[in-house]
Each structure stands twice: as structure tokens, then as C-alpha cells.
Amino acid sequence: MAPESPGRATALLVAACFFMEQLDATIVSTAAPRLGPALGVPPADISLLVSVYLLAVVVLLPLSGWLSARWGARRVFLTAIAVFTAASLACATSTSLGGLVVARVVQGAGGSMMVPIGLLVVLGTARKADIPRLLSYVVWPGLLAPVAAPALGGVITTYWHWRWIFLINVPLGLVALALAWRLVRPARPSAAAPRLDLPGVLLLGLGLGAVTTAEHLMTSASGPVVAAAVAVTGVTALTAATRHLLRSSHPLVDLRTLRTPTFRVAVIGSLLFGALVAAVPFLLPQLFSSFGWTPAQSGALVLFVFAGNIGVKPATTWLVRHVPFRRLIAVPAVCLAATAAGFALLTPSTPLPVVIGLAVVSGCARSVGLTAYSTLAFSDVPPPQMQHCNTLLAMAQQMSGVLGVSAAAAALHLGEAAAFLVLAGAGLVAAAHALRLHPAAGNAVRAG
């Protein structure tokens, strides 16, 4: 008999942790006008707080699988929540930019472990037939947080104190820690856990960190030349990391898992589709600002993307169980590309219902597509490979946001409309890639 799958409560707990980690990646940007003067630095310097957080998450994320194998998923998950919560308190009580930077690095370290380990807890012993239901709970924060962060950050900094951006995590983290202690069952760490692949850690950390840094340098005073040099360093390191991981007998992340066709399509598709998902909330405020609309008007319209996310959510599990994955991935990718092209055609005189309709359809496509990709990724993965597949998918999803915003920022030099059209192309490539799936791909999660 298959082991009992984790319950909805555990999946919702991981979803809440995912929301906190995603929210803190971007909410600080909204507080820059208030946070800078309070710390005695120019508001532009506050972007460093976003950079160091994302760097910590990206660089340390590949370690999550090895840590869970070495120390046990429950122990690492509890520690990650505790570190994230304590670091949030440290951020809220900081009185200097330097202290806040250090606290943000620690916060990012906790976030890098919290989500992938939590997902491993949820899916590690789950039956294949339970995966669509469980992932339907876990995926939504990744859709909500990037859209909600600007609005929530604006409310907090306008009506409360900037410190509440971080303090809000403390009670949430304490509740999550108590629930995790109760819900997550202890498990023995693997006796066969390999030694840490130090070359893999260094090469992946350098590569992912450099690519992430290059994205932030694109919009900084350093200019595109410095960003390009850093990006080349990152790509070179990632190329060396790939060669090492394929040759190592005990790699930090086993790239051989990509031989599973459904998993390979899910990882590549998550990079392309996820880049477009991340770019839309970044580009829409830029577009609406060029129309002369106020930040409040822009924020309200972007929230219709969230309305589409939530509106279609009750149907996603049914769609995963009844619609072939090839179609379930290709159609949302085409819809997301079409809405991006539609945004490129908007003008200040476009009727408001048309703008709202595009935003809602875009939100629906985001929700269905990301749920389908996440479910497909684990549909044919055998339990022994779950640890490596989970880590690799988490890396792809994290980097998709970096690549999406980076591509959008670069394309903005051509204008908002051109930026949307460039990213629409990524959606069409994702759709074409999905069509390579076998018609029966992912049927293992439809049983039961």
C-alpha cells in the first residue's frame, strides 16, 4: 500500500512560507522613499537590500537537497523558518543600512531553505494521484506575492511605519514554526547521504550569483557593459558547473534527472513561462505610468491580474486531471503571449474594460500554466530522484523571475510596447516546446 499523502494543512503551511519568501523579495522596493531617509542614505541605495536578499536565496538554494538528505527535511525546515523569522525581526530593528544588509542576507538564507524543503516535505511521500491537489495549494503564493507586494508595501509605508514591512513576518513566522513542529513528521536523515560536493557548491553559487547580480546591474548606474561582463562570468561558471555535475559520481544537483522527458520539459518551460509571468507585473506599472496614470490607478489595474489568478484557481485541479498536459501547458503559454502582445497595443485611450479583460485573462493563464508545469515536473519522477528534481525545479523557478525582469528591463530601452512583444516571444517558444510532449505525458498523476 502506498504511504498516506501529506494533508492539506501541511501544503497550506508551505504555501504560507512561500508567500513570505516571495513577498520579501520585492516589497522593500516600495519602502525606498521612506526607508532611505530613515537610514540616512539615498533612496536609490535601498535597491541593495533587494539584491543581497535575492543573491542569498539564489546562491544557497542548491544546498537545500543535500541538507535535507544529511540532516532530515523536518529539522532543516524548522530551522529555516526560525532563521527567516529571527532575521525579519533583526531587519525591523536595524538602525543602519549596513545592519539591515546583514539581516537581509540571513533572511534570504532562511528563505532559500524554507520553500524547497517545505515542498519536499509535502511531496516526498505523496502518491502521484495526490500531487495535483497538493500543488494547487502551494503554487498560488508565487502568483499572488509579486502582484500584491507593491500594493501591500504602499499601504504599510503610507499608513504605518516602514519597520512593519519586516515585523509582519514575525507573528506569521512564529505561527508557521508552531504548525510545522506539529504537522511535519520526524524522519531519519539518510545514512547514505554523500559528502558535500564543494566544487558544485562553488561553481553553482558563482554562476547563479553572477547572473542575478547582472540583472540588477542592468538598471543601475554601472551600465550595460559591467552587467554584460558579470553575466559572462556567470554563464562561464554555470557551464563549468554543468560539466562538473554531469561527471561527478555524487553531484550537488544531479542533472541526469533531466533525462526524464516530462521533467525536462517542465524545467525548460518553467524558465520560459516563468520569465513572462515575472515580467508582466514589472512592466504593467511602467506602461501605465507612461500613460500619465497615478500609482494608485496602476496598482488597482495590476490587481486584476491577481483576480484572474484566484478566479481560475478552483478549476486548476480539475483541468490537470482531465486535460492532456501537452494542451494544458501550450494553451496558457499562447494566451499569456497573446495578452502580452495585447498590452503592447494599449494606449491611454483604450477602454478600461479592455485593459481589465487582458489583465484577467493574463492572470488565468499564469495560474493554469504554473500549476500545470509544477505538476508535470513530478509526474514521472521516482522517489529516489525527488530530492534532486525538487532542487533543480526550484532553481529554475527562482531564475525565471531573475531572467524575466532582466529581459524586461533591457527591452524597456526599446519602449514598453517593444518589451511586451519581446516577452510574448518567450511564451510562444514555451508553447512550441510543450507540443513536443507525448499525448499521454503525465498520466501518472491522473490516477485515483
Protein backbone atom coordinates (compact mmCIF):
# COMPACT_ATOMS: atom_id res chain seq x y z
CA MET A 1 0.00 0.00 0.00
CA ALA A 2 1.28 3.49 -0.81
CA PRO A 3 2.06 5.71 2.17
CA GLU A 4 -0.55 8.20 3.21
CA SER A 5 -0.02 11.52 1.48
CA PRO A 6 0.52 14.70 3.47
CA GLY A 7 -2.64 16.62 4.29
CA ARG A 8 -3.93 19.92 3.09
CA ALA A 9 -2.75 21.63 6.28
CA THR A 10 0.91 20.87 5.53
CA ALA A 11 0.56 22.08 1.94
CA LEU A 12 -1.07 25.31 3.12
CA LEU A 13 1.72 25.80 5.66
CA VAL A 14 4.32 25.54 2.90
CA ALA A 15 2.21 27.91 0.78
CA ALA A 16 2.29 30.49 3.58
CA CYS A 17 6.09 30.16 3.83
CA PHE A 18 6.33 30.52 0.06
CA PHE A 19 4.25 33.70 0.24
CA MET A 20 6.51 35.24 2.91
CA GLU A 21 9.66 34.40 0.94
CA GLN A 22 8.29 35.78 -2.34
CA LEU A 23 6.78 38.88 -0.73
CA ASP A 24 10.05 39.90 0.92
CA ALA A 25 11.86 39.66 -2.40
CA THR A 26 10.12 42.77 -3.75
CA ILE A 27 8.18 44.60 -1.04
CA VAL A 28 11.25 46.53 0.15
CA SER A 29 11.39 48.48 -3.13
CA THR A 30 8.10 50.18 -2.27
CA ALA A 31 9.51 51.43 1.03
CA ALA A 32 12.60 53.05 -0.54
CA PRO A 33 11.29 56.68 -0.33
CA ARG A 34 10.71 56.30 3.42
CA LEU A 35 13.45 53.81 4.25
CA GLY A 36 16.31 55.78 2.68
CA PRO A 37 15.87 58.99 4.71
CA ALA A 38 15.23 56.98 7.89
CA LEU A 39 18.62 55.28 7.50
CA GLY A 40 20.40 58.41 6.26
CA VAL A 41 21.07 57.12 2.73
CA PRO A 42 19.68 57.98 -0.73
CA PRO A 43 16.56 56.00 -1.64
CA ALA A 44 18.43 54.54 -4.63
CA ASP A 45 20.78 52.73 -2.22
CA ILE A 46 17.84 50.71 -0.88
CA SER A 47 17.98 48.58 -4.02
CA LEU A 48 20.96 46.88 -2.37
CA LEU A 49 18.52 45.33 0.12
CA VAL A 50 16.67 43.62 -2.73
CA SER A 51 19.89 42.47 -4.40
CA VAL A 52 21.51 40.88 -1.35
CA TYR A 53 18.28 39.07 -0.41
CA LEU A 54 17.88 37.56 -3.87
CA LEU A 55 21.57 36.69 -4.01
CA ALA A 56 21.35 34.80 -0.73
CA VAL A 57 18.28 32.89 -1.92
CA VAL A 58 19.74 32.00 -5.32
CA VAL A 59 23.26 31.10 -4.16
CA LEU A 60 22.20 28.92 -1.22
CA LEU A 61 19.18 27.24 -2.82
CA PRO A 62 21.20 24.40 -4.45
CA LEU A 63 22.27 23.30 -0.96
CA SER A 64 18.70 22.54 0.10
CA GLY A 65 18.59 18.99 -1.26
CA TRP A 66 21.90 17.97 0.32
CA LEU A 67 20.93 19.49 3.68
CA SER A 68 17.64 17.59 3.74
CA ALA A 69 19.46 14.33 2.94
CA ARG A 70 22.10 14.98 5.57
CA TRP A 71 20.03 16.35 8.46
CA GLY A 72 16.43 15.44 7.64
CA ALA A 73 13.75 17.57 5.99
CA ARG A 74 11.89 18.33 9.22
CA ARG A 75 14.95 19.65 11.04
CA VAL A 76 16.06 21.83 8.13
CA PHE A 77 12.52 23.12 7.50
CA LEU A 78 12.06 24.16 11.15
CA THR A 79 15.50 25.78 11.21
CA ALA A 80 14.78 27.69 8.00
CA ILE A 81 11.53 29.12 9.37
CA ALA A 82 13.26 30.10 12.64
CA VAL A 83 16.15 31.79 10.79
CA PHE A 84 13.80 33.67 8.46
CA THR A 85 11.65 34.87 11.38
CA ALA A 86 14.60 35.94 13.53
CA ALA A 87 16.20 37.74 10.59
CA SER A 88 12.92 39.56 9.89
CA LEU A 89 12.96 40.86 13.47
CA ALA A 90 16.58 41.91 13.02
CA CYS A 91 15.62 43.78 9.84
CA ALA A 92 12.82 45.59 11.65
CA THR A 93 15.10 46.73 14.49
CA SER A 94 18.06 47.76 12.31
CA THR A 95 19.21 51.36 12.58
CA SER A 96 21.76 51.45 9.75
CA LEU A 97 21.96 50.30 6.16
CA GLY A 98 24.89 48.01 6.97
CA GLY A 99 22.99 46.24 9.73
CA LEU A 100 19.94 45.90 7.52
CA VAL A 101 22.03 44.43 4.69
CA VAL A 102 23.44 41.75 7.00
CA ALA A 103 19.97 40.92 8.32
CA ARG A 104 18.63 40.67 4.76
CA VAL A 105 21.37 38.21 3.81
CA VAL A 106 20.41 36.00 6.76
CA GLN A 107 16.74 36.38 5.88
CA GLY A 108 17.47 35.28 2.31
CA ALA A 109 19.42 32.28 3.64
CA GLY A 110 16.37 31.18 5.62
CA GLY A 111 14.11 31.73 2.61
CA SER A 112 16.36 29.69 0.34
CA MET A 113 15.81 26.61 2.53
CA MET A 114 12.22 27.24 3.62
CA VAL A 115 10.35 26.73 0.35
CA PRO A 116 12.19 23.87 -1.43
CA ILE A 117 12.48 21.85 1.78
CA GLY A 118 8.83 22.52 2.55
CA LEU A 119 7.84 21.28 -0.89
CA LEU A 120 9.96 18.18 -0.35
CA VAL A 121 8.08 17.57 2.90
CA VAL A 122 4.75 17.81 1.06
CA LEU A 123 5.66 15.69 -1.97
CA GLY A 124 8.28 13.34 -0.55
CA THR A 125 5.79 10.62 0.40
CA ALA A 126 2.80 11.74 -1.64
CA ARG A 127 1.03 9.41 -4.05
CA LYS A 128 1.24 10.53 -7.66
CA ALA A 129 -2.53 10.97 -7.74
CA ASP A 130 -2.34 13.46 -4.83
CA ILE A 131 0.25 15.73 -6.44
CA PRO A 132 -2.20 17.93 -8.44
CA ARG A 133 -4.29 18.64 -5.35
CA LEU A 134 -1.29 19.40 -3.12
CA LEU A 135 0.44 21.62 -5.66
CA SER A 136 -2.76 23.58 -6.23
CA TYR A 137 -2.34 24.86 -2.66
CA VAL A 138 1.40 25.53 -2.88
CA VAL A 139 1.62 27.30 -6.25
CA TRP A 140 -0.72 30.26 -5.67
CA PRO A 141 1.62 32.37 -3.45
CA GLY A 142 4.11 32.60 -6.31
CA LEU A 143 1.34 34.19 -8.36
CA LEU A 144 -0.02 36.45 -5.61
CA ALA A 145 3.12 37.83 -3.95
CA PRO A 146 4.66 39.70 -6.94
CA VAL A 147 1.30 41.34 -7.66
CA ALA A 148 0.38 42.08 -4.04
CA ALA A 149 3.80 43.32 -2.89
CA PRO A 150 3.60 46.86 -4.37
CA ALA A 151 0.07 47.43 -3.06
CA LEU A 152 0.81 45.99 0.40
CA GLY A 153 4.11 47.86 0.64
CA GLY A 154 2.39 51.09 -0.30
CA VAL A 155 -0.28 50.67 2.37
CA ILE A 156 2.27 49.83 5.10
CA THR A 157 4.61 52.71 4.31
CA THR A 158 1.73 55.19 3.89
CA TYR A 159 -0.30 54.39 7.00
CA TRP A 160 2.18 52.60 9.28
CA HIS A 161 5.95 52.57 9.77
CA TRP A 162 8.42 51.02 7.32
CA ARG A 163 9.53 48.58 10.04
CA TRP A 164 6.17 46.79 9.71
CA ILE A 165 7.30 45.51 6.30
CA PHE A 166 9.53 43.15 8.28
CA LEU A 167 7.66 42.95 11.58
CA ILE A 168 4.63 41.43 9.86
CA ASN A 169 6.73 38.30 9.28
CA VAL A 170 7.38 37.74 12.98
CA PRO A 171 3.91 36.58 14.12
CA LEU A 172 3.42 34.75 10.83
CA GLY A 173 6.77 33.01 11.26
CA LEU A 174 6.06 32.01 14.85
CA VAL A 175 2.71 30.51 13.87
CA ALA A 176 4.36 28.70 10.95
CA LEU A 177 7.05 27.34 13.27
CA ALA A 178 4.48 26.02 15.73
CA LEU A 179 2.43 24.43 12.95
CA ALA A 180 5.50 22.88 11.32
CA TRP A 181 6.55 21.39 14.67
CA ARG A 182 3.14 19.75 14.91
CA LEU A 183 2.44 18.79 11.31
CA VAL A 184 5.78 17.69 9.88
CA ARG A 185 6.62 14.17 10.97
CA PRO A 186 10.20 13.38 12.03
CA ALA A 187 12.23 11.27 9.65
CA ARG A 188 15.69 9.82 9.95
CA PRO A 189 18.36 11.60 7.90
CA SER A 190 19.69 9.42 5.11
CA ALA A 191 22.51 7.20 6.32
CA ALA A 192 23.84 7.22 2.77
CA ALA A 193 23.98 10.99 2.40
CA PRO A 194 27.09 11.76 0.30
CA ARG A 195 29.82 14.18 1.22
CA LEU A 196 29.15 17.75 0.25
CA ASP A 197 30.07 18.45 -3.38
CA LEU A 198 32.16 21.55 -2.68
CA PRO A 199 33.16 22.26 -6.32
CA GLY A 200 29.46 22.07 -7.24
CA VAL A 201 28.57 24.48 -4.44
CA LEU A 202 31.22 27.00 -5.51
CA LEU A 203 30.57 26.84 -9.26
CA LEU A 204 26.78 26.96 -8.95
CA GLY A 205 26.96 29.71 -6.34
CA LEU A 206 29.27 31.82 -8.51
CA GLY A 207 27.23 31.23 -11.65
CA LEU A 208 23.79 31.84 -10.19
CA GLY A 209 25.03 34.76 -8.11
CA ALA A 210 26.71 36.45 -11.07
CA VAL A 211 23.65 36.07 -13.31
CA THR A 212 21.42 37.50 -10.58
CA THR A 213 23.83 40.39 -9.97
CA ALA A 214 23.95 41.16 -13.69
CA GLU A 215 20.17 41.54 -13.72
CA HIS A 216 20.34 44.24 -11.06
CA LEU A 217 23.28 45.97 -12.71
CA MET A 218 21.21 46.36 -15.88
CA THR A 219 19.18 49.12 -14.23
CA SER A 220 21.95 50.59 -12.07
CA ALA A 221 24.44 53.37 -12.73
CA SER A 222 27.06 50.75 -13.58
CA GLY A 223 25.58 50.38 -17.03
CA PRO A 224 25.22 47.52 -19.52
CA VAL A 225 28.97 46.99 -20.03
CA VAL A 226 29.59 45.99 -16.41
CA ALA A 227 26.36 43.96 -16.38
CA ALA A 228 27.43 42.10 -19.52
CA ALA A 229 30.85 41.30 -18.02
CA VAL A 230 29.25 39.93 -14.86
CA ALA A 231 26.73 37.96 -16.93
CA VAL A 232 29.53 36.37 -18.99
CA THR A 233 31.26 35.37 -15.76
CA GLY A 234 28.04 33.79 -14.56
CA VAL A 235 27.41 31.88 -17.78
CA THR A 236 31.00 30.64 -17.80
CA ALA A 237 30.71 29.42 -14.22
CA LEU A 238 27.37 27.72 -14.95
CA THR A 239 28.89 25.99 -17.98
CA ALA A 240 31.74 24.70 -15.82
CA ALA A 241 29.22 23.68 -13.15
CA THR A 242 27.22 21.70 -15.71
CA ARG A 243 30.29 19.78 -16.85
CA HIS A 244 31.27 19.04 -13.25
CA LEU A 245 27.78 17.94 -12.18
CA LEU A 246 27.47 15.56 -15.14
CA ARG A 247 30.85 13.97 -14.39
CA SER A 248 30.62 13.78 -10.60
CA SER A 249 29.54 10.50 -9.02
CA HIS A 250 27.85 12.40 -6.17
CA PRO A 251 26.85 15.79 -7.60
CA LEU A 252 25.24 18.53 -5.52
CA VAL A 253 22.39 18.55 -8.04
CA ASP A 254 22.01 15.53 -10.33
CA LEU A 255 21.43 16.87 -13.85
CA ARG A 256 20.81 13.31 -15.05
CA THR A 257 17.26 13.72 -13.78
CA LEU A 258 16.67 15.80 -16.91
CA ARG A 259 16.67 12.57 -18.88
CA THR A 260 13.06 12.13 -17.74
CA PRO A 261 11.17 13.78 -20.64
CA THR A 262 8.32 15.25 -18.59
CA PHE A 263 10.71 16.69 -16.02
CA ARG A 264 12.95 18.19 -18.73
CA VAL A 265 10.01 19.90 -20.43
CA ALA A 266 8.78 21.20 -17.08
CA VAL A 267 12.17 22.70 -16.15
CA ILE A 268 12.77 24.39 -19.52
CA GLY A 269 9.16 25.52 -19.72
CA SER A 270 9.28 26.90 -16.16
CA LEU A 271 12.22 29.08 -17.17
CA LEU A 272 10.46 30.49 -20.25
CA PHE A 273 6.90 30.67 -18.96
CA GLY A 274 8.04 31.85 -15.51
CA ALA A 275 10.08 34.65 -17.06
CA LEU A 276 6.96 36.02 -18.73
CA VAL A 277 4.95 35.57 -15.53
CA ALA A 278 7.52 37.62 -13.58
CA ALA A 279 7.87 40.29 -16.23
CA VAL A 280 4.20 41.25 -16.60
CA PRO A 281 3.75 42.76 -13.07
CA PHE A 282 7.07 44.56 -13.59
CA LEU A 283 6.14 46.03 -16.98
CA LEU A 284 2.50 46.96 -16.43
CA PRO A 285 3.18 49.77 -13.90
CA GLN A 286 5.84 51.13 -16.29
CA LEU A 287 3.32 51.12 -19.13
CA PHE A 288 0.54 52.73 -17.12
CA SER A 289 2.95 55.35 -15.79
CA SER A 290 3.79 56.31 -19.36
CA PHE A 291 0.06 56.93 -19.84
CA GLY A 292 0.19 59.50 -17.03
CA TRP A 293 -1.81 57.34 -14.64
CA THR A 294 -1.23 57.62 -10.89
CA PRO A 295 0.47 54.80 -8.93
CA ALA A 296 -2.88 54.08 -7.26
CA GLN A 297 -4.60 53.64 -10.63
CA SER A 298 -1.78 51.46 -11.93
CA GLY A 299 -1.77 49.31 -8.79
CA ALA A 300 -5.53 48.81 -8.93
CA LEU A 301 -5.38 47.61 -12.54
CA VAL A 302 -2.47 45.26 -11.88
CA LEU A 303 -4.59 43.66 -9.16
CA PHE A 304 -6.92 42.39 -11.88
CA VAL A 305 -4.09 40.01 -12.82
CA PHE A 306 -4.44 38.63 -9.30
CA ALA A 307 -8.22 38.43 -9.79
CA GLY A 308 -7.62 36.16 -12.77
CA ASN A 309 -5.19 34.03 -10.71
CA ILE A 310 -7.73 33.47 -7.98
CA GLY A 311 -10.78 33.25 -10.23
CA VAL A 312 -9.49 30.24 -12.18
CA LYS A 313 -7.84 28.55 -9.20
CA PRO A 314 -10.79 26.30 -8.23
CA ALA A 315 -10.71 24.81 -11.73
CA THR A 316 -6.98 24.07 -11.97
CA THR A 317 -7.04 20.68 -10.21
CA TRP A 318 -9.92 19.51 -12.45
CA LEU A 319 -8.05 20.73 -15.54
CA VAL A 320 -4.88 18.87 -14.52
CA ARG A 321 -6.85 15.64 -14.09
CA HIS A 322 -8.84 15.85 -17.32
CA VAL A 323 -6.87 17.84 -19.92
CA PRO A 324 -3.72 16.37 -21.53
CA PHE A 325 -0.60 18.16 -20.30
CA ARG A 326 0.53 18.99 -23.81
CA ARG A 327 -2.61 21.08 -24.29
CA LEU A 328 -2.77 22.27 -20.66
CA ILE A 329 0.67 23.87 -21.00
CA ALA A 330 0.60 25.05 -24.60
CA VAL A 331 -2.74 26.88 -24.41
CA PRO A 332 -1.87 29.02 -21.33
CA ALA A 333 1.52 29.82 -22.88
CA VAL A 334 -0.17 31.05 -26.07
CA CYS A 335 -2.75 33.00 -24.03
CA LEU A 336 -0.04 34.63 -21.93
CA ALA A 337 1.89 35.56 -25.09
CA ALA A 338 -1.29 36.93 -26.68
CA THR A 339 -2.16 39.07 -23.67
CA ALA A 340 1.43 40.39 -23.57
CA ALA A 341 1.06 41.39 -27.22
CA GLY A 342 -2.29 42.94 -26.31
CA PHE A 343 -0.66 45.02 -23.58
CA ALA A 344 1.82 46.26 -26.19
CA LEU A 345 -1.07 47.66 -28.23
CA LEU A 346 -2.67 49.59 -25.36
CA THR A 347 -2.90 53.38 -25.48
CA PRO A 348 -4.16 55.95 -22.96
CA SER A 349 -7.47 55.99 -24.86
CA THR A 350 -8.03 52.22 -24.72
CA PRO A 351 -11.38 51.49 -22.99
CA LEU A 352 -10.87 50.42 -19.39
CA PRO A 353 -12.86 47.16 -19.78
CA VAL A 354 -10.38 46.06 -22.47
CA VAL A 355 -7.43 46.68 -20.12
CA ILE A 356 -9.18 44.82 -17.31
CA GLY A 357 -10.08 41.93 -19.60
CA LEU A 358 -6.47 41.50 -20.74
CA ALA A 359 -5.27 41.56 -17.12
CA VAL A 360 -7.81 38.94 -16.02
CA VAL A 361 -7.03 36.59 -18.94
CA SER A 362 -3.32 37.02 -18.25
CA GLY A 363 -3.90 36.08 -14.61
CA CYS A 364 -5.90 32.98 -15.56
CA ALA A 365 -3.18 31.83 -17.96
CA ARG A 366 -0.48 32.37 -15.31
CA SER A 367 -2.36 30.29 -12.74
CA VAL A 368 -3.16 27.35 -15.01
CA GLY A 369 0.28 27.28 -16.64
CA LEU A 370 2.36 27.38 -13.46
CA THR A 371 0.20 24.74 -11.79
CA ALA A 372 0.48 22.51 -14.86
CA TYR A 373 4.27 22.88 -15.08
CA SER A 374 4.77 22.18 -11.37
CA THR A 375 2.56 19.10 -11.50
CA LEU A 376 4.10 17.75 -14.70
CA ALA A 377 7.58 18.09 -13.19
CA PHE A 378 6.89 15.43 -10.55
CA SER A 379 4.55 13.22 -12.56
CA ASP A 380 7.17 10.63 -13.59
CA VAL A 381 9.94 11.27 -11.05
CA PRO A 382 10.76 8.16 -8.97
CA PRO A 383 11.12 8.71 -5.18
CA PRO A 384 14.94 8.31 -5.14
CA GLN A 385 15.27 11.26 -7.54
CA MET A 386 12.74 13.51 -5.80
CA GLN A 387 15.38 15.42 -3.83
CA HIS A 388 17.42 16.39 -6.91
CA CYS A 389 14.38 17.13 -9.06
CA ASN A 390 12.88 19.35 -6.37
CA THR A 391 16.11 21.34 -6.05
CA LEU A 392 16.57 21.70 -9.79
CA LEU A 393 12.98 22.83 -10.37
CA ALA A 394 13.26 25.36 -7.52
CA MET A 395 16.43 26.75 -9.12
CA ALA A 396 14.69 27.05 -12.49
CA GLN A 397 11.67 28.79 -10.98
CA GLN A 398 13.83 31.21 -9.00
CA MET A 399 15.99 32.05 -12.00
CA SER A 400 12.95 32.52 -14.24
CA GLY A 401 12.00 35.59 -12.23
CA VAL A 402 15.52 36.97 -12.48
CA LEU A 403 15.65 36.36 -16.24
CA GLY A 404 12.16 37.75 -16.81
CA VAL A 405 12.77 41.03 -15.02
CA SER A 406 16.25 41.31 -16.58
CA ALA A 407 14.89 40.81 -20.10
CA ALA A 408 12.06 43.25 -19.43
CA ALA A 409 14.45 45.89 -18.07
CA ALA A 410 16.74 45.51 -21.09
CA ALA A 411 13.84 45.63 -23.55
CA LEU A 412 12.45 48.76 -21.91
CA HIS A 413 15.16 50.71 -23.71
CA LEU A 414 13.14 49.99 -26.85
CA GLY A 415 9.92 51.14 -25.21
CA GLU A 416 7.18 49.50 -23.14
CA ALA A 417 5.37 48.08 -26.20
CA ALA A 418 8.56 46.50 -27.57
CA ALA A 419 9.32 44.98 -24.17
CA PHE A 420 5.95 43.24 -24.10
CA LEU A 421 6.42 41.93 -27.63
CA VAL A 422 9.87 40.54 -26.83
CA LEU A 423 8.49 38.65 -23.84
CA ALA A 424 5.50 37.44 -25.82
CA GLY A 425 8.04 35.59 -27.94
CA ALA A 426 9.17 33.66 -24.84
CA GLY A 427 5.59 32.50 -24.33
CA LEU A 428 5.36 31.22 -27.91
CA VAL A 429 8.66 29.34 -27.53
CA ALA A 430 7.32 27.74 -24.35
CA ALA A 431 4.17 26.69 -26.19
CA ALA A 432 6.17 25.17 -29.05
CA HIS A 433 8.34 23.29 -26.56
CA ALA A 434 5.25 21.91 -24.81
CA LEU A 435 3.99 20.44 -28.06
CA ARG A 436 6.96 18.05 -28.01
CA LEU A 437 5.32 16.19 -25.12
CA HIS A 438 3.84 12.75 -25.75
CA PRO A 439 0.00 12.87 -25.69
CA ALA A 440 -0.01 10.58 -22.62
CA ALA A 441 2.71 12.52 -20.74
CA GLY A 442 1.97 12.98 -17.05
CA ASN A 443 -0.83 10.41 -16.90
CA ALA A 444 0.63 9.01 -13.66
CA VAL A 445 -0.86 11.91 -11.69
CA ARG A 446 -4.32 11.36 -13.14
CA ALA A 447 -4.90 8.02 -11.42
CA GLY A 448 -7.24 7.76 -8.49
